[in-house]
C-alpha cells in the first residue's frame, strides 16, 4: 500500500519583472495567475538502487521590466493536517534565500 505524502500542492511564481509565457510538464498550469502546478494528492516515487524516476517542469519566462526578482512559492497540506509553505527568493544568480513555514 502506498500512502500519499502531500495534499493540495500549489506551486506558484510571483515576479514583478517576469510573466510566465509557457509552462512545460504541468498540464494544469495557469500562466495568467502564476500557478505553475496544482496537485490534489501526491504520492512518493518508487526507488530502485537509490534512484527514482521523476518528471521536470520548465518555465518559459517573458521579461517585463529590469526587476530581476523571482519568488517561487509552494504550499501544501501534509498527512497530519498541517499546512506548509516554502518560498524561494532570488534576485540574481549570486543572491538566493529560502524560507519555510509550518502552520497547524
C-alpha atoms as a PDB file:
ATOM      1  CA  UNK A   1       0.000   0.000   0.000  1.00  0.00           C
ATOM      2  CA  UNK A   2       1.308   3.438  -0.965  1.00  0.00           C
ATOM      3  CA  UNK A   3       0.416   6.331   1.322  1.00  0.00           C
ATOM      4  CA  UNK A   4       0.006   9.866  -0.057  1.00  0.00           C
ATOM      5  CA  UNK A   5       2.674  12.300   1.173  1.00  0.00           C
ATOM      6  CA  UNK A   6       1.188  15.661   0.231  1.00  0.00           C
ATOM      7  CA  UNK A   7      -2.293  17.085  -0.384  1.00  0.00           C
ATOM      8  CA  UNK A   8      -3.388  20.199  -2.295  1.00  0.00           C
ATOM      9  CA  UNK A   9       0.069  21.182  -3.504  1.00  0.00           C
ATOM     10  CA  UNK A  10       0.224  24.525  -5.315  1.00  0.00           C
ATOM     11  CA  UNK A  11       3.429  25.847  -6.912  1.00  0.00           C
ATOM     12  CA  UNK A  12       3.417  29.497  -7.994  1.00  0.00           C
ATOM     13  CA  UNK A  13       5.786  32.077  -9.449  1.00  0.00           C
ATOM     14  CA  UNK A  14       5.494  35.653  -8.227  1.00  0.00           C
ATOM     15  CA  UNK A  15       7.697  38.122 -10.079  1.00  0.00           C
ATOM     16  CA  UNK A  16       7.262  41.816 -10.814  1.00  0.00           C
ATOM     17  CA  UNK A  17       9.775  41.647 -13.680  1.00  0.00           C
ATOM     18  CA  UNK A  18       8.632  38.495 -15.480  1.00  0.00           C
ATOM     19  CA  UNK A  19       5.460  36.828 -16.718  1.00  0.00           C
ATOM     20  CA  UNK A  20       5.085  33.149 -17.483  1.00  0.00           C
ATOM     21  CA  UNK A  21       4.899  32.715 -21.236  1.00  0.00           C
ATOM     22  CA  UNK A  22       4.575  28.920 -21.181  1.00  0.00           C
ATOM     23  CA  UNK A  23       4.742  26.013 -18.722  1.00  0.00           C
ATOM     24  CA  UNK A  24       6.053  22.660 -19.960  1.00  0.00           C
ATOM     25  CA  UNK A  25       5.421  19.457 -17.993  1.00  0.00           C
ATOM     26  CA  UNK A  26       2.426  20.652 -15.963  1.00  0.00           C
ATOM     27  CA  UNK A  27      -0.849  20.368 -17.888  1.00  0.00           C
ATOM     28  CA  UNK A  28      -2.923  22.100 -15.175  1.00  0.00           C
ATOM     29  CA  UNK A  29      -0.779  25.253 -15.119  1.00  0.00           C
ATOM     30  CA  UNK A  30      -2.418  28.675 -15.247  1.00  0.00           C
ATOM     31  CA  UNK A  31       0.135  31.082 -16.720  1.00  0.00           C
ATOM     32  CA  UNK A  32      -2.143  34.095 -16.186  1.00  0.00           C
ATOM     33  CA  UNK A  33      -2.159  33.685 -12.392  1.00  0.00           C
ATOM     34  CA  UNK A  34       1.430  32.454 -11.985  1.00  0.00           C
ATOM     35  CA  UNK A  35       0.219  28.998 -10.942  1.00  0.00           C
ATOM     36  CA  UNK A  36       2.774  26.503 -12.234  1.00  0.00           C
ATOM     37  CA  UNK A  37       1.409  23.305 -10.772  1.00  0.00           C
ATOM     38  CA  UNK A  38      -1.579  22.073  -8.779  1.00  0.00           C
ATOM     39  CA  UNK A  39      -1.710  18.500  -7.451  1.00  0.00           C
ATOM     40  CA  UNK A  40      -4.578  17.246  -5.294  1.00  0.00           C
ATOM     41  CA  UNK A  41      -2.753  14.166  -3.951  1.00  0.00           C
ATOM     42  CA  UNK A  42       0.978  13.496  -4.335  1.00  0.00           C
ATOM     43  CA  UNK A  43       2.437  10.024  -3.847  1.00  0.00           C
ATOM     44  CA  UNK A  44       6.136   9.156  -3.405  1.00  0.00           C
ATOM     45  CA  UNK A  45       8.026   7.746  -6.390  1.00  0.00           C
ATOM     46  CA  UNK A  46       9.349   4.205  -6.328  1.00  0.00           C
ATOM     47  CA  UNK A  47      13.077   3.998  -5.570  1.00  0.00           C
ATOM     48  CA  UNK A  48      15.320   1.380  -7.123  1.00  0.00           C
ATOM     49  CA  UNK A  49      19.072   1.276  -6.308  1.00  0.00           C
ATOM     50  CA  UNK A  50      18.801   4.731  -4.673  1.00  0.00           C
ATOM     51  CA  UNK A  51      17.350   6.251  -7.861  1.00  0.00           C
ATOM     52  CA  UNK A  52      13.847   7.488  -8.602  1.00  0.00           C
ATOM     53  CA  UNK A  53      12.202   8.265 -11.911  1.00  0.00           C
ATOM     54  CA  UNK A  54      10.551  11.639 -11.864  1.00  0.00           C
ATOM     55  CA  UNK A  55       9.469  14.474 -14.108  1.00  0.00           C
ATOM     56  CA  UNK A  56      10.566  18.019 -14.695  1.00  0.00           C
ATOM     57  CA  UNK A  57       8.658  21.255 -15.119  1.00  0.00           C
ATOM     58  CA  UNK A  58      10.135  24.016 -17.285  1.00  0.00           C
ATOM     59  CA  UNK A  59       9.047  27.649 -17.473  1.00  0.00           C
ATOM     60  CA  UNK A  60       9.461  29.999 -20.383  1.00  0.00           C
ATOM     61  CA  UNK A  61       9.534  33.495 -18.891  1.00  0.00           C
ATOM     62  CA  UNK A  62       8.985  36.807 -20.639  1.00  0.00           C
ATOM     63  CA  UNK A  63      10.842  39.801 -19.239  1.00  0.00           C
ATOM     64  CA  UNK A  64       8.561  42.797 -18.489  1.00  0.00           C
ATOM     65  CA  UNK A  65      10.913  45.122 -16.599  1.00  0.00           C
ATOM     66  CA  UNK A  66      14.512  45.274 -15.386  1.00  0.00           C
ATOM     67  CA  UNK A  67      13.422  43.889 -11.995  1.00  0.00           C
ATOM     68  CA  UNK A  68      15.191  40.511 -11.702  1.00  0.00           C
ATOM     69  CA  UNK A  69      13.318  39.395  -8.561  1.00  0.00           C
ATOM     70  CA  UNK A  70      11.791  35.905  -8.692  1.00  0.00           C
ATOM     71  CA  UNK A  71       9.718  34.297  -5.939  1.00  0.00           C
ATOM     72  CA  UNK A  72       8.865  30.614  -6.198  1.00  0.00           C
ATOM     73  CA  UNK A  73       6.223  29.600  -3.644  1.00  0.00           C
ATOM     74  CA  UNK A  74       4.904  26.157  -2.744  1.00  0.00           C
ATOM     75  CA  UNK A  75       2.101  25.385  -0.316  1.00  0.00           C
ATOM     76  CA  UNK A  76       0.589  22.032   0.640  1.00  0.00           C
ATOM     77  CA  UNK A  77      -1.025  20.005   3.400  1.00  0.00           C
ATOM     78  CA  UNK A  78       0.807  17.065   4.966  1.00  0.00           C
ATOM     79  CA  UNK A  79      -0.586  13.736   6.226  1.00  0.00           C
ATOM     80  CA  UNK A  80      -1.301  15.072   9.733  1.00  0.00           C
ATOM     81  CA  UNK A  81      -3.303  18.079   8.504  1.00  0.00           C
ATOM     82  CA  UNK A  82      -0.628  20.761   8.825  1.00  0.00           C
ATOM     83  CA  UNK A  83      -0.385  23.394   6.118  1.00  0.00           C
ATOM     84  CA  UNK A  84       3.170  24.092   4.992  1.00  0.00           C
ATOM     85  CA  UNK A  85       4.652  26.835   2.824  1.00  0.00           C
ATOM     86  CA  UNK A  86       8.067  27.377   1.348  1.00  0.00           C
ATOM     87  CA  UNK A  87       9.270  30.449  -0.520  1.00  0.00           C
ATOM     88  CA  UNK A  88      12.437  30.661  -2.591  1.00  0.00           C
ATOM     89  CA  UNK A  89      13.512  34.228  -3.292  1.00  0.00           C
ATOM     90  CA  UNK A  90      16.078  35.033  -5.967  1.00  0.00           C
ATOM     91  CA  UNK A  91      17.232  38.453  -7.123  1.00  0.00           C
ATOM     92  CA  UNK A  92      20.233  37.364  -9.174  1.00  0.00           C
ATOM     93  CA  UNK A  93      22.395  34.300  -9.606  1.00  0.00           C
ATOM     94  CA  UNK A  94      24.600  35.426  -6.712  1.00  0.00           C
ATOM     95  CA  UNK A  95      21.899  36.037  -4.061  1.00  0.00           C
ATOM     96  CA  UNK A  96      19.207  33.499  -3.133  1.00  0.00           C
ATOM     97  CA  UNK A  97      17.172  32.954   0.004  1.00  0.00           C
ATOM     98  CA  UNK A  98      14.743  30.211   1.028  1.00  0.00           C
ATOM     99  CA  UNK A  99      12.267  30.236   3.906  1.00  0.00           C
ATOM    100  CA  UNK A 100       9.876  27.558   5.165  1.00  0.00           C
ATOM    101  CA  UNK A 101       6.828  27.935   7.422  1.00  0.00           C
ATOM    102  CA  UNK A 102       4.533  25.302   9.002  1.00  0.00           C
ATOM    103  CA  UNK A 103       1.098  26.140  10.410  1.00  0.00           C
ATOM    104  CA  UNK A 104      -1.250  23.905  12.365  1.00  0.00           C
END
